[in-house]
């Protein structure tokens, strides 16, 4: 048995508040940026902790690990930014629906 979609009523569309979508998109975008900034900074500074060059096997392992972590964070950051883009598109589409319904279409 197929599920049927229930569409909102005209009054529900006209009074719909979508600010939460915009706020979520801003938060997710800001969070993704902070993640990337923090992990990039750690990776960039790992080879000179305290301003002193660090060499050897432990240094190489630390650089490799921070790079791996940075790659993982960039993937998560990309997904978070994608979610933000979907929220903004949804907000725009819902606002357009409200305008459309206000015109009596």
Protein backbone atom coordinates (compact mmCIF):
# COMPACT_ATOMS: atom_id res chain seq x y z
CA UNK A 1 0.00 0.00 0.00
CA UNK A 2 1.46 3.35 -1.03
CA UNK A 3 1.65 6.20 1.46
CA UNK A 4 -0.07 9.41 0.47
CA UNK A 5 1.39 12.83 1.13
CA UNK A 6 -0.71 15.26 3.11
CA UNK A 7 -0.32 18.79 1.84
CA UNK A 8 -0.57 21.72 4.24
CA UNK A 9 -3.66 23.86 4.17
CA UNK A 10 -3.59 27.37 2.72
CA UNK A 11 -3.73 28.94 6.18
CA UNK A 12 -0.84 26.71 7.33
CA UNK A 13 1.28 27.82 4.38
CA UNK A 14 0.46 31.50 4.91
CA UNK A 15 1.40 31.45 8.61
CA UNK A 16 4.44 29.20 8.34
CA UNK A 17 7.51 30.53 10.17
CA UNK A 18 10.72 29.38 8.47
CA UNK A 19 13.21 31.44 10.46
CA UNK A 20 14.49 28.26 12.10
CA UNK A 21 15.79 27.07 8.72
CA UNK A 22 17.76 30.27 8.19
CA UNK A 23 19.13 30.16 11.76
CA UNK A 24 20.14 26.50 11.39
CA UNK A 25 21.92 27.21 8.09
CA UNK A 26 23.89 30.07 9.64
CA UNK A 27 24.86 27.94 12.64
CA UNK A 28 25.91 24.97 10.52
CA UNK A 29 27.96 27.16 8.18
CA UNK A 30 29.69 28.87 11.10
CA UNK A 31 30.35 25.54 12.83
CA UNK A 32 31.83 23.99 9.67
CA UNK A 33 34.15 26.98 9.30
CA UNK A 34 35.31 26.74 12.90
CA UNK A 35 36.02 23.03 12.58
CA UNK A 36 38.13 23.55 9.48
CA UNK A 37 39.95 26.52 10.97
CA UNK A 38 40.83 24.68 14.19
CA UNK A 39 42.04 21.49 12.52
CA UNK A 40 43.96 23.40 9.86
CA UNK A 41 45.72 25.42 12.54
CA UNK A 42 46.69 22.28 14.48
CA UNK A 43 48.02 20.65 11.32
CA UNK A 44 49.95 23.78 10.29
CA UNK A 45 51.56 24.20 13.71
CA UNK A 46 52.35 20.58 14.56
CA UNK A 47 55.76 20.71 12.88
CA UNK A 48 56.89 23.62 15.09
CA UNK A 49 55.40 23.20 18.57
CA UNK A 50 56.26 26.19 20.68
CA UNK A 51 57.93 27.74 17.64
CA UNK A 52 60.72 25.14 17.60
CA UNK A 53 61.09 22.85 14.57
CA UNK A 54 60.22 19.23 15.34
CA UNK A 55 61.82 16.43 13.32
CA UNK A 56 62.00 12.68 13.47
CA UNK A 57 59.63 9.74 13.45
CA UNK A 58 57.30 11.14 16.11
CA UNK A 59 57.06 14.44 14.23
CA UNK A 60 56.27 12.66 10.98
CA UNK A 61 53.63 10.53 12.72
CA UNK A 62 52.06 13.61 14.28
CA UNK A 63 51.98 15.41 10.93
CA UNK A 64 50.42 12.39 9.26
CA UNK A 65 47.79 12.06 12.01
CA UNK A 66 46.83 15.74 11.95
CA UNK A 67 46.54 15.61 8.17
CA UNK A 68 44.29 12.55 8.41
CA UNK A 69 42.16 14.31 11.02
CA UNK A 70 41.95 17.40 8.81
CA UNK A 71 40.75 15.33 5.85
CA UNK A 72 38.07 13.72 8.04
CA UNK A 73 36.93 17.10 9.37
CA UNK A 74 36.75 18.54 5.87
CA UNK A 75 34.40 15.71 4.88
CA UNK A 76 32.17 16.38 7.88
CA UNK A 77 32.37 20.12 7.22
CA UNK A 78 31.32 19.61 3.60
CA UNK A 79 28.31 17.59 4.72
CA UNK A 80 27.36 20.26 7.27
CA UNK A 81 27.63 22.97 4.63
CA UNK A 82 25.50 20.82 2.33
CA UNK A 83 22.84 20.58 5.03
CA UNK A 84 22.96 24.36 5.39
CA UNK A 85 22.44 24.79 1.65
CA UNK A 86 19.43 22.45 1.75
CA UNK A 87 17.94 24.41 4.67
CA UNK A 88 18.35 27.70 2.78
CA UNK A 89 16.77 26.23 -0.37
CA UNK A 90 13.90 24.93 1.71
CA UNK A 91 13.44 28.33 3.31
CA UNK A 92 13.38 30.02 -0.11
CA UNK A 93 10.90 27.50 -1.48
CA UNK A 94 8.60 27.85 1.50
CA UNK A 95 8.76 31.65 1.28
CA UNK A 96 7.89 31.43 -2.41
CA UNK A 97 4.94 29.18 -1.54
CA UNK A 98 3.74 31.76 0.96
CA UNK A 99 4.00 34.54 -1.62
CA UNK A 100 2.28 32.38 -4.23
CA UNK A 101 -0.60 31.57 -1.88
CA UNK A 102 -0.93 35.22 -0.82
CA UNK A 103 -1.56 36.12 -4.46
CA UNK A 104 -4.40 33.63 -4.59
CA UNK A 105 -2.85 31.07 -6.94
